[in-house]
């Protein structure tokens, strides 16, 4: 499987790769096309990121011991696994807005009510001290969709990830 990663990138292109090791051919092809090196963990960390601010997303790679729940394996001894992706709205943290299609027809203009219509009742949510809704999370097959809202109540960041097994 090989994806042409460009501004036409769809969220399904990335979500199909979540849970795969960096040794997977599709991930290696993507890294080559984008000009990225294989991700490397910094000392004392178990996650690393590849950021694409111009395309509006960043991907997360997690250490095998944490991602697969191998408690006996030292961190850094195994492979890295693509464990998730963040899709950004325009201007947040210097990112352009992700312009590809998102799962379940999600749009950055969606609010809590429209997302609940599209995704159902969230499994979790968080409110601020002023009771304003900050974020929500839904199951999406083996993955989780987590949405953070901005002050106007629309989507600021969407993350899709496979939870670590630890």
Protein backbone atom coordinates (compact mmCIF):
# COMPACT_ATOMS: atom_id res chain seq x y z
CA UNK A 1 0.00 0.00 0.00
CA UNK A 2 1.44 3.38 -0.99
CA UNK A 3 -0.18 6.76 -0.44
CA UNK A 4 0.61 9.99 -2.25
CA UNK A 5 0.85 12.29 0.76
CA UNK A 6 -0.09 15.77 -0.31
CA UNK A 7 -2.62 18.47 0.41
CA UNK A 8 -5.17 15.97 -0.91
CA UNK A 9 -4.35 13.63 1.97
CA UNK A 10 -7.41 12.13 3.59
CA UNK A 11 -7.62 11.19 7.25
CA UNK A 12 -8.35 7.60 6.18
CA UNK A 13 -4.88 7.44 4.59
CA UNK A 14 -3.31 8.00 8.00
CA UNK A 15 -5.79 6.09 10.14
CA UNK A 16 -5.20 2.94 8.05
CA UNK A 17 -1.56 3.09 9.15
CA UNK A 18 -2.15 3.60 12.87
CA UNK A 19 -0.89 0.59 14.80
CA UNK A 20 1.80 -0.33 12.27
CA UNK A 21 5.56 -0.32 13.00
CA UNK A 22 7.96 2.02 11.20
CA UNK A 23 9.26 -1.05 9.37
CA UNK A 24 5.92 -1.30 7.51
CA UNK A 25 6.37 -0.58 3.78
CA UNK A 26 3.57 2.01 3.58
CA UNK A 27 5.05 3.99 6.47
CA UNK A 28 8.57 3.77 5.04
CA UNK A 29 7.24 4.91 1.63
CA UNK A 30 5.46 7.86 3.21
CA UNK A 31 8.56 8.92 5.14
CA UNK A 32 10.60 8.72 1.93
CA UNK A 33 8.08 10.72 -0.15
CA UNK A 34 7.85 13.42 2.51
CA UNK A 35 11.62 13.57 2.94
CA UNK A 36 11.47 12.57 6.60
CA UNK A 37 14.03 10.41 8.34
CA UNK A 38 12.90 7.44 10.39
CA UNK A 39 11.69 8.80 13.71
CA UNK A 40 14.07 8.41 16.65
CA UNK A 41 13.28 8.56 20.34
CA UNK A 42 15.04 11.14 22.47
CA UNK A 43 16.60 9.87 25.67
CA UNK A 44 14.07 9.30 28.48
CA UNK A 45 11.07 9.59 26.12
CA UNK A 46 8.72 6.97 24.74
CA UNK A 47 7.01 9.08 22.05
CA UNK A 48 8.22 11.13 19.14
CA UNK A 49 6.41 13.24 16.56
CA UNK A 50 6.70 14.15 12.91
CA UNK A 51 5.10 17.50 12.31
CA UNK A 52 3.64 18.78 9.02
CA UNK A 53 2.38 22.29 9.85
CA UNK A 54 1.91 23.21 6.19
CA UNK A 55 -0.45 20.25 5.75
CA UNK A 56 -2.20 20.71 9.11
CA UNK A 57 -1.27 17.49 10.88
CA UNK A 58 1.33 15.75 13.00
CA UNK A 59 1.80 12.03 13.62
CA UNK A 60 2.83 10.29 16.83
CA UNK A 61 5.15 7.32 17.09
CA UNK A 62 5.25 5.35 20.35
CA UNK A 63 7.87 2.95 21.64
CA UNK A 64 6.99 -0.72 21.19
CA UNK A 65 7.24 -1.53 24.92
CA UNK A 66 4.62 1.10 25.79
CA UNK A 67 2.43 0.73 22.69
CA UNK A 68 2.20 -3.08 22.89
CA UNK A 69 2.34 -3.26 26.68
CA UNK A 70 5.56 -5.29 26.81
CA UNK A 71 6.46 -4.53 30.43
CA UNK A 72 9.60 -6.69 30.33
CA UNK A 73 11.05 -4.88 27.30
CA UNK A 74 13.19 -1.80 27.94
CA UNK A 75 12.03 1.41 26.30
CA UNK A 76 14.04 2.03 23.17
CA UNK A 77 14.86 -1.64 22.56
CA UNK A 78 12.03 -2.28 20.08
CA UNK A 79 10.45 -0.57 17.11
CA UNK A 80 8.38 2.57 17.01
CA UNK A 81 4.71 2.25 16.08
CA UNK A 82 2.52 4.88 14.44
CA UNK A 83 0.10 5.41 17.31
CA UNK A 84 -1.87 8.50 16.34
CA UNK A 85 -2.40 11.70 14.43
CA UNK A 86 -3.45 15.27 15.24
CA UNK A 87 -5.44 17.31 12.71
CA UNK A 88 -5.28 21.07 13.34
CA UNK A 89 -7.56 24.02 12.68
CA UNK A 90 -6.00 27.06 11.02
CA UNK A 91 -3.48 29.03 13.03
CA UNK A 92 -3.27 26.76 16.05
CA UNK A 93 0.37 26.32 17.09
CA UNK A 94 1.49 27.67 13.69
CA UNK A 95 -0.36 24.98 11.71
CA UNK A 96 -2.45 25.52 8.63
CA UNK A 97 -5.85 23.86 8.75
CA UNK A 98 -5.98 20.27 7.58
CA UNK A 99 -7.92 20.34 4.31
CA UNK A 100 -8.43 16.62 3.67
CA UNK A 101 -11.55 14.70 4.51
CA UNK A 102 -12.09 13.73 8.13
CA UNK A 103 -13.88 10.62 9.47
CA UNK A 104 -17.66 10.60 9.78
CA UNK A 105 -17.88 13.86 7.78
CA UNK A 106 -16.44 15.86 10.69
CA UNK A 107 -15.77 19.51 9.85
CA UNK A 108 -13.75 22.00 11.89
CA UNK A 109 -16.91 24.13 12.03
CA UNK A 110 -18.71 21.38 13.98
CA UNK A 111 -19.71 22.00 17.56
CA UNK A 112 -20.65 19.64 20.38
CA UNK A 113 -24.22 19.16 19.15
CA UNK A 114 -23.32 18.43 15.53
CA UNK A 115 -20.53 16.05 16.60
CA UNK A 116 -22.88 14.13 18.87
CA UNK A 117 -25.24 13.77 15.91
CA UNK A 118 -22.40 12.41 13.76
CA UNK A 119 -20.53 10.30 16.33
CA UNK A 120 -23.12 9.48 18.99
CA UNK A 121 -22.76 9.97 22.71
CA UNK A 122 -19.13 10.54 23.73
CA UNK A 123 -17.49 8.05 26.07
CA UNK A 124 -15.77 10.88 27.92
CA UNK A 125 -15.80 14.67 28.16
CA UNK A 126 -14.07 17.42 30.10
CA UNK A 127 -15.38 20.78 31.21
CA UNK A 128 -13.52 23.84 32.48
CA UNK A 129 -14.08 25.47 35.85
CA UNK A 130 -16.74 27.64 34.20
CA UNK A 131 -18.53 24.44 33.01
CA UNK A 132 -17.66 25.22 29.36
CA UNK A 133 -17.04 22.04 27.37
CA UNK A 134 -13.33 21.71 26.56
CA UNK A 135 -13.05 18.28 24.93
CA UNK A 136 -14.81 14.99 24.14
CA UNK A 137 -13.78 11.48 23.07
CA UNK A 138 -15.50 8.72 21.11
CA UNK A 139 -14.67 5.15 20.16
CA UNK A 140 -13.86 4.70 16.47
CA UNK A 141 -13.33 0.96 15.96
CA UNK A 142 -10.05 0.12 17.72
CA UNK A 143 -9.17 3.82 17.70
CA UNK A 144 -10.29 6.83 19.73
CA UNK A 145 -11.34 10.21 18.33
CA UNK A 146 -10.62 13.05 20.72
CA UNK A 147 -11.78 16.60 19.94
CA UNK A 148 -10.72 19.80 21.67
CA UNK A 149 -12.97 22.82 21.26
CA UNK A 150 -11.94 26.48 20.96
CA UNK A 151 -13.56 29.36 22.86
CA UNK A 152 -16.29 29.69 20.21
CA UNK A 153 -17.27 26.04 20.68
CA UNK A 154 -16.01 24.71 17.34
CA UNK A 155 -13.20 22.21 16.77
CA UNK A 156 -9.64 23.30 17.46
CA UNK A 157 -7.83 19.92 17.27
CA UNK A 158 -8.88 16.39 16.36
CA UNK A 159 -6.71 13.50 17.45
CA UNK A 160 -7.19 9.92 16.34
CA UNK A 161 -5.11 7.31 18.12
CA UNK A 162 -4.81 3.72 19.19
CA UNK A 163 -4.46 3.65 22.96
CA UNK A 164 -1.25 2.23 24.42
CA UNK A 165 -1.66 -1.24 25.90
CA UNK A 166 0.12 -0.34 29.15
